[in-house]
PDB file of N, CA and C in Angstrom:
ATOM      1  N   MET A   1      48.307-118.261 142.029  1.00  0.00           N
ATOM      2  CA  MET A   1      47.438-118.331 140.868  1.00  0.00           C
ATOM      3  C   MET A   1      46.078-117.736 141.212  1.00  0.00           C
ATOM      4  N   GLN A   2      45.625-116.843 140.352  1.00  0.00           N
ATOM      5  CA  GLN A   2      44.343-116.190 140.575  1.00  0.00           C
ATOM      6  C   GLN A   2      43.224-117.039 139.979  1.00  0.00           C
ATOM      7  N   ARG A   3      42.139-117.180 140.733  1.00  0.00           N
ATOM      8  CA  ARG A   3      41.012-117.972 140.261  1.00  0.00           C
ATOM      9  C   ARG A   3      40.141-117.134 139.341  1.00  0.00           C
ATOM     10  N   LYS A   4      39.618-117.775 138.287  1.00  0.00           N
ATOM     11  CA  LYS A   4      38.737-117.078 137.354  1.00  0.00           C
ATOM     12  C   LYS A   4      37.297-117.194 137.822  1.00  0.00           C
ATOM     13  N   SER A   5      36.519-116.192 137.465  1.00  0.00           N
ATOM     14  CA  SER A   5      35.090-116.277 137.728  1.00  0.00           C
ATOM     15  C   SER A   5      34.464-117.211 136.689  1.00  0.00           C
ATOM     16  N   LEU A   6      33.213-117.545 136.888  1.00  0.00           N
ATOM     17  CA  LEU A   6      32.517-118.415 135.940  1.00  0.00           C
ATOM     18  C   LEU A   6      32.484-117.769 134.559  1.00  0.00           C
ATOM     19  N   TRP A   7      32.197-116.463 134.531  1.00  0.00           N
ATOM     20  CA  TRP A   7      32.162-115.749 133.253  1.00  0.00           C
ATOM     21  C   TRP A   7      33.542-115.728 132.601  1.00  0.00           C
ATOM     22  N   GLY A   8      34.563-115.540 133.400  1.00  0.00           N
ATOM     23  CA  GLY A   8      35.921-115.534 132.867  1.00  0.00           C
ATOM     24  C   GLY A   8      36.315-116.894 132.299  1.00  0.00           C
ATOM     25  N   SER A   9      35.916-117.948 132.985  1.00  0.00           N
ATOM     26  CA  SER A   9      36.196-119.294 132.483  1.00  0.00           C
ATOM     27  C   SER A   9      35.455-119.553 131.186  1.00  0.00           C
ATOM     28  N   TYR A  10      34.195-119.087 131.136  1.00  0.00           N
ATOM     29  CA  TYR A  10      33.396-119.259 129.911  1.00  0.00           C
ATOM     30  C   TYR A  10      34.031-118.506 128.747  1.00  0.00           C
ATOM     31  N   LYS A  11      34.456-117.266 128.998  1.00  0.00           N
ATOM     32  CA  LYS A  11      35.065-116.453 127.941  1.00  0.00           C
ATOM     33  C   LYS A  11      36.404-117.027 127.478  1.00  0.00           C
ATOM     34  N   ALA A  12      37.067-117.808 128.344  1.00  0.00           N
ATOM     35  CA  ALA A  12      38.353-118.392 127.991  1.00  0.00           C
ATOM     36  C   ALA A  12      38.201-119.596 127.052  1.00  0.00           C
ATOM     37  N   LEU A  13      36.991-120.133 126.955  1.00  0.00           N
ATOM     38  CA  LEU A  13      36.771-121.263 126.041  1.00  0.00           C
ATOM     39  C   LEU A  13      36.859-120.797 124.596  1.00  0.00           C
ATOM     40  N   ALA A  14      37.158-121.718 123.721  1.00  0.00           N
ATOM     41  CA  ALA A  14      37.193-121.408 122.295  1.00  0.00           C
ATOM     42  C   ALA A  14      35.784-121.061 121.829  1.00  0.00           C
ATOM     43  N   PRO A  15      35.652-120.136 120.864  1.00  0.00           N
ATOM     44  CA  PRO A  15      34.321-119.756 120.380  1.00  0.00           C
ATOM     45  C   PRO A  15      33.491-120.951 119.891  1.00  0.00           C
ATOM     46  N   LYS A  16      34.135-121.892 119.243  1.00  0.00           N
ATOM     47  CA  LYS A  16      33.408-123.062 118.749  1.00  0.00           C
ATOM     48  C   LYS A  16      32.832-123.873 119.914  1.00  0.00           C
ATOM     49  N   THR A  17      33.578-123.982 120.998  1.00  0.00           N
ATOM     50  CA  THR A  17      33.108-124.702 122.181  1.00  0.00           C
ATOM     51  C   THR A  17      31.932-123.979 122.820  1.00  0.00           C
ATOM     52  N   ARG A  18      31.999-122.638 122.882  1.00  0.00           N
ATOM     53  CA  ARG A  18      30.895-121.857 123.448  1.00  0.00           C
ATOM     54  C   ARG A  18      29.629-122.027 122.612  1.00  0.00           C
ATOM     55  N   ILE A  19      29.769-122.093 121.294  1.00  0.00           N
ATOM     56  CA  ILE A  19      28.611-122.308 120.419  1.00  0.00           C
ATOM     57  C   ILE A  19      27.983-123.660 120.717  1.00  0.00           C
ATOM     58  N   TRP A  20      28.818-124.705 120.843  1.00  0.00           N
ATOM     59  CA  TRP A  20      28.294-126.041 121.115  1.00  0.00           C
ATOM     60  C   TRP A  20      27.637-126.131 122.493  1.00  0.00           C
ATOM     61  N   LEU A  21      28.156-125.412 123.459  1.00  0.00           N
ATOM     62  CA  LEU A  21      27.511-125.368 124.777  1.00  0.00           C
ATOM     63  C   LEU A  21      26.123-124.715 124.666  1.00  0.00           C
ATOM     64  N   GLY A  22      26.015-123.644 123.906  1.00  0.00           N
ATOM     65  CA  GLY A  22      24.727-122.978 123.711  1.00  0.00           C
ATOM     66  C   GLY A  22      23.734-123.865 122.976  1.00  0.00           C
ATOM     67  N   VAL A  23      24.197-124.516 121.915  1.00  0.00           N
ATOM     68  CA  VAL A  23      23.326-125.415 121.149  1.00  0.00           C
ATOM     69  C   VAL A  23      22.886-126.578 122.033  1.00  0.00           C
ATOM     70  N   GLY A  24      23.804-127.126 122.805  1.00  0.00           N
ATOM     71  CA  GLY A  24      23.465-128.224 123.716  1.00  0.00           C
ATOM     72  C   GLY A  24      22.427-127.810 124.747  1.00  0.00           C
ATOM     73  N   GLY A  25      22.551-126.612 125.272  1.00  0.00           N
ATOM     74  CA  GLY A  25      21.562-126.106 126.225  1.00  0.00           C
ATOM     75  C   GLY A  25      20.190-125.952 125.598  1.00  0.00           C
ATOM     76  N   MET A  26      20.151-125.457 124.361  1.00  0.00           N
ATOM     77  CA  MET A  26      18.867-125.300 123.675  1.00  0.00           C
ATOM     78  C   MET A  26      18.227-126.652 123.378  1.00  0.00           C
ATOM     79  N   VAL A  27      19.033-127.635 122.971  1.00  0.00           N
ATOM     80  CA  VAL A  27      18.512-128.977 122.705  1.00  0.00           C
ATOM     81  C   VAL A  27      17.973-129.595 123.989  1.00  0.00           C
ATOM     82  N   PHE A  28      18.700-129.437 125.088  1.00  0.00           N
ATOM     83  CA  PHE A  28      18.268-129.967 126.379  1.00  0.00           C
ATOM     84  C   PHE A  28      16.939-129.338 126.811  1.00  0.00           C
ATOM     85  N   ALA A  29      16.808-128.025 126.661  1.00  0.00           N
ATOM     86  CA  ALA A  29      15.574-127.335 127.054  1.00  0.00           C
ATOM     87  C   ALA A  29      14.401-127.764 126.178  1.00  0.00           C
ATOM     88  N   THR A  30      14.629-127.871 124.868  1.00  0.00           N
ATOM     89  CA  THR A  30      13.566-128.290 123.952  1.00  0.00           C
ATOM     90  C   THR A  30      13.118-129.715 124.258  1.00  0.00           C
ATOM     91  N   ALA A  31      14.061-130.603 124.489  1.00  0.00           N
ATOM     92  CA  ALA A  31      13.713-131.986 124.826  1.00  0.00           C
ATOM     93  C   ALA A  31      12.917-132.035 126.127  1.00  0.00           C
ATOM     94  N   GLY A  32      13.272-131.224 127.102  1.00  0.00           N
ATOM     95  CA  GLY A  32      12.540-131.188 128.360  1.00  0.00           C
ATOM     96  C   GLY A  32      11.106-130.718 128.184  1.00  0.00           C
ATOM     97  N   MET A  33      10.898-129.698 127.350  1.00  0.00           N
ATOM     98  CA  MET A  33       9.538-129.218 127.114  1.00  0.00           C
ATOM     99  C   MET A  33       8.702-130.263 126.383  1.00  0.00           C
ATOM    100  N   LEU A  34       9.287-130.904 125.373  1.00  0.00           N
ATOM    101  CA  LEU A  34       8.552-131.927 124.628  1.00  0.00           C
ATOM    102  C   LEU A  34       8.243-133.135 125.505  1.00  0.00           C
ATOM    103  N   LEU A  35       9.196-133.542 126.314  1.00  0.00           N
ATOM    104  CA  LEU A  35       8.994-134.691 127.194  1.00  0.00           C
ATOM    105  C   LEU A  35       7.933-134.391 128.248  1.00  0.00           C
ATOM    106  N   SER A  36       7.932-133.184 128.795  1.00  0.00           N
ATOM    107  CA  SER A  36       6.928-132.850 129.809  1.00  0.00           C
ATOM    108  C   SER A  36       5.532-132.811 129.195  1.00  0.00           C
ATOM    109  N   ASP A  37       5.404-132.323 127.955  1.00  0.00           N
ATOM    110  CA  ASP A  37       4.105-132.339 127.273  1.00  0.00           C
ATOM    111  C   ASP A  37       3.641-133.771 127.040  1.00  0.00           C
ATOM    112  N   TYR A  38       4.550-134.652 126.636  1.00  0.00           N
ATOM    113  CA  TYR A  38       4.220-136.052 126.381  1.00  0.00           C
ATOM    114  C   TYR A  38       3.750-136.738 127.666  1.00  0.00           C
ATOM    115  N   ILE A  39       4.471-136.503 128.759  1.00  0.00           N
ATOM    116  CA  ILE A  39       4.102-137.113 130.035  1.00  0.00           C
ATOM    117  C   ILE A  39       2.759-136.577 130.518  1.00  0.00           C
ATOM    118  N   GLU A  40       2.518-135.290 130.329  1.00  0.00           N
ATOM    119  CA  GLU A  40       1.250-134.701 130.754  1.00  0.00           C
ATOM    120  C   GLU A  40       0.077-135.257 129.949  1.00  0.00           C
ATOM    121  N   ASP A  41       0.292-135.551 128.658  1.00  0.00           N
ATOM    122  CA  ASP A  41      -0.759-136.163 127.844  1.00  0.00           C
ATOM    123  C   ASP A  41      -1.038-137.598 128.289  1.00  0.00           C
ATOM    124  N   LYS A  42       0.004-138.333 128.641  1.00  0.00           N
ATOM    125  CA  LYS A  42      -0.157-139.727 129.048  1.00  0.00           C
ATOM    126  C   LYS A  42      -0.763-139.863 130.442  1.00  0.00           C
ATOM    127  N   ARG A  43      -0.431-138.929 131.341  1.00  0.00           N
ATOM    128  CA  ARG A  43      -0.928-139.000 132.708  1.00  0.00           C
ATOM    129  C   ARG A  43      -1.404-137.615 133.152  1.00  0.00           C
ATOM    130  N   PRO A  44      -2.663-137.290 132.837  1.00  0.00           N
ATOM    131  CA  PRO A  44      -3.166-135.966 133.229  1.00  0.00           C
ATOM    132  C   PRO A  44      -3.306-135.847 134.751  1.00  0.00           C
ATOM    133  N   ALA A  45      -3.347-134.623 135.214  1.00  0.00           N
ATOM    134  CA  ALA A  45      -3.447-134.368 136.650  1.00  0.00           C
ATOM    135  C   ALA A  45      -4.822-134.788 137.171  1.00  0.00           C
ATOM    136  N   THR A  46      -4.839-135.343 138.384  1.00  0.00           N
ATOM    137  CA  THR A  46      -6.099-135.724 139.022  1.00  0.00           C
ATOM    138  C   THR A  46      -6.751-134.477 139.614  1.00  0.00           C
ATOM    139  N   GLU A  47      -8.000-134.617 139.996  1.00  0.00           N
ATOM    140  CA  GLU A  47      -8.707-133.483 140.611  1.00  0.00           C
ATOM    141  C   GLU A  47      -8.030-133.065 141.916  1.00  0.00           C
ATOM    142  N   PHE A  48      -7.545-134.034 142.684  1.00  0.00           N
ATOM    143  CA  PHE A  48      -6.854-133.727 143.940  1.00  0.00           C
ATOM    144  C   PHE A  48      -5.599-132.896 143.681  1.00  0.00           C
ATOM    145  N   GLU A  49      -4.828-133.269 142.659  1.00  0.00           N
ATOM    146  CA  GLU A  49      -3.612-132.517 142.324  1.00  0.00           C
ATOM    147  C   GLU A  49      -3.948-131.109 141.858  1.00  0.00           C
ATOM    148  N   LYS A  50      -5.040-130.965 141.096  1.00  0.00           N
ATOM    149  CA  LYS A  50      -5.461-129.633 140.643  1.00  0.00           C
ATOM    150  C   LYS A  50      -5.876-128.764 141.823  1.00  0.00           C
ATOM    151  N   GLU A  51      -6.594-129.355 142.782  1.00  0.00           N
ATOM    152  CA  GLU A  51      -7.003-128.606 143.968  1.00  0.00           C
ATOM    153  C   GLU A  51      -5.798-128.160 144.789  1.00  0.00           C
ATOM    154  N   GLN A  52      -4.789-129.038 144.911  1.00  0.00           N
ATOM    155  CA  GLN A  52      -3.584-128.676 145.651  1.00  0.00           C
ATOM    156  C   GLN A  52      -2.867-127.501 144.987  1.00  0.00           C
ATOM    157  N   LEU A  53      -2.778-127.524 143.656  1.00  0.00           N
ATOM    158  CA  LEU A  53      -2.123-126.427 142.947  1.00  0.00           C
ATOM    159  C   LEU A  53      -2.884-125.126 143.098  1.00  0.00           C
ATOM    160  N   GLU A  54      -4.214-125.187 143.099  1.00  0.00           N
ATOM    161  CA  GLU A  54      -5.010-123.980 143.280  1.00  0.00           C
ATOM    162  C   GLU A  54      -4.816-123.392 144.670  1.00  0.00           C
ATOM    163  N   MET A  55      -4.642-124.269 145.681  1.00  0.00           N
ATOM    164  CA  MET A  55      -4.473-123.788 147.054  1.00  0.00           C
ATOM    165  C   MET A  55      -3.154-123.049 147.239  1.00  0.00           C
ATOM    166  N   ILE A  56      -2.102-123.456 146.545  1.00  0.00           N
ATOM    167  CA  ILE A  56      -0.799-122.809 146.742  1.00  0.00           C
ATOM    168  C   ILE A  56      -0.512-121.740 145.692  1.00  0.00           C
ATOM    169  N   SER A  57      -1.458-121.513 144.794  1.00  0.00           N
ATOM    170  CA  SER A  57      -1.245-120.539 143.724  1.00  0.00           C
ATOM    171  C   SER A  57      -1.269-119.118 144.279  1.00  0.00           C
ATOM    172  N   PRO A  58      -0.269-118.307 143.950  1.00  0.00           N
ATOM    173  CA  PRO A  58      -0.254-116.931 144.436  1.00  0.00           C
ATOM    174  C   PRO A  58      -1.107-115.988 143.580  1.00  0.00           C
ATOM    175  N   VAL A  59      -1.732-116.498 142.532  1.00  0.00           N
ATOM    176  CA  VAL A  59      -2.491-115.659 141.613  1.00  0.00           C
ATOM    177  C   VAL A  59      -3.938-115.560 142.090  1.00  0.00           C
ATOM    178  N   THR A  60      -4.454-114.340 142.175  1.00  0.00           N
ATOM    179  CA  THR A  60      -5.846-114.113 142.541  1.00  0.00           C
ATOM    180  C   THR A  60      -6.513-113.398 141.379  1.00  0.00           C
ATOM    181  N   VAL A  61      -7.602-113.956 140.900  1.00  0.00           N
ATOM    182  CA  VAL A  61      -8.314-113.371 139.771  1.00  0.00           C
ATOM    183  C   VAL A  61      -9.419-112.483 140.309  1.00  0.00           C
ATOM    184  N   VAL A  62      -9.468-111.245 139.828  1.00  0.00           N
ATOM    185  CA  VAL A  62     -10.497-110.301 140.238  1.00  0.00           C
ATOM    186  C   VAL A  62     -11.254-109.875 138.994  1.00  0.00           C
ATOM    187  N   ASP A  63     -12.565-110.083 139.008  1.00  0.00           N
ATOM    188  CA  ASP A  63     -13.378-109.677 137.868  1.00  0.00           C
ATOM    189  C   ASP A  63     -13.572-108.161 137.884  1.00  0.00           C
ATOM    190  N   HIS A  64     -13.480-107.581 136.711  1.00  0.00           N
ATOM    191  CA  HIS A  64     -13.635-106.136 136.569  1.00  0.00           C
ATOM    192  C   HIS A  64     -15.110-105.808 136.345  1.00  0.00           C
ATOM    193  N   GLN A  65     -15.634-104.875 137.118  1.00  0.00           N
ATOM    194  CA  GLN A  65     -17.012-104.428 136.919  1.00  0.00           C
ATOM    195  C   GLN A  65     -16.949-102.978 136.469  1.00  0.00           C
ATOM    196  N   PRO A  66     -17.537-102.687 135.318  1.00  0.00           N
ATOM    197  CA  PRO A  66     -17.465-101.310 134.812  1.00  0.00           C
ATOM    198  C   PRO A  66     -18.204-100.333 135.727  1.00  0.00           C
ATOM    199  N   ARG A  67     -17.707 -99.106 135.773  1.00  0.00           N
ATOM    200  CA  ARG A  67     -18.327 -98.070 136.579  1.00  0.00           C
ATOM    201  C   ARG A  67     -19.606 -97.592 135.895  1.00  0.00           C
ATOM    202  N   THR A  68     -20.566 -97.225 136.690  1.00  0.00           N
ATOM    203  CA  THR A  68     -21.809 -96.690 136.126  1.00  0.00           C
ATOM    204  C   THR A  68     -21.747 -95.176 136.132  1.00  0.00           C
ATOM    205  N   SER A  69     -22.274 -94.571 135.100  1.00  0.00           N
ATOM    206  CA  SER A  69     -22.289 -93.108 135.005  1.00  0.00           C
ATOM    207  C   SER A  69     -23.387 -92.546 135.880  1.00  0.00           C
ATOM    208  N   LYS A  70     -23.126 -91.387 136.499  1.00  0.00           N
ATOM    209  CA  LYS A  70     -24.125 -90.759 137.364  1.00  0.00           C
ATOM    210  C   LYS A  70     -24.816 -89.645 136.671  1.00  0.00           C
TER     211      LYS A  70
END
């Protein structure tokens, strides 16, 4: 017996089942975003936590200074 790939197994499902899997994934993601916003409102980050996030952040902000004409 040949094993199916994940995509092959997904394609073998009935179309109605695939729709419900997609809808379920969207509901799960939406609930996660709403719940994380609610938790963040109830318990905001402390200054120590903000400093830790800034230290590990890979983003560096560089201010742009316009060139002067000669």
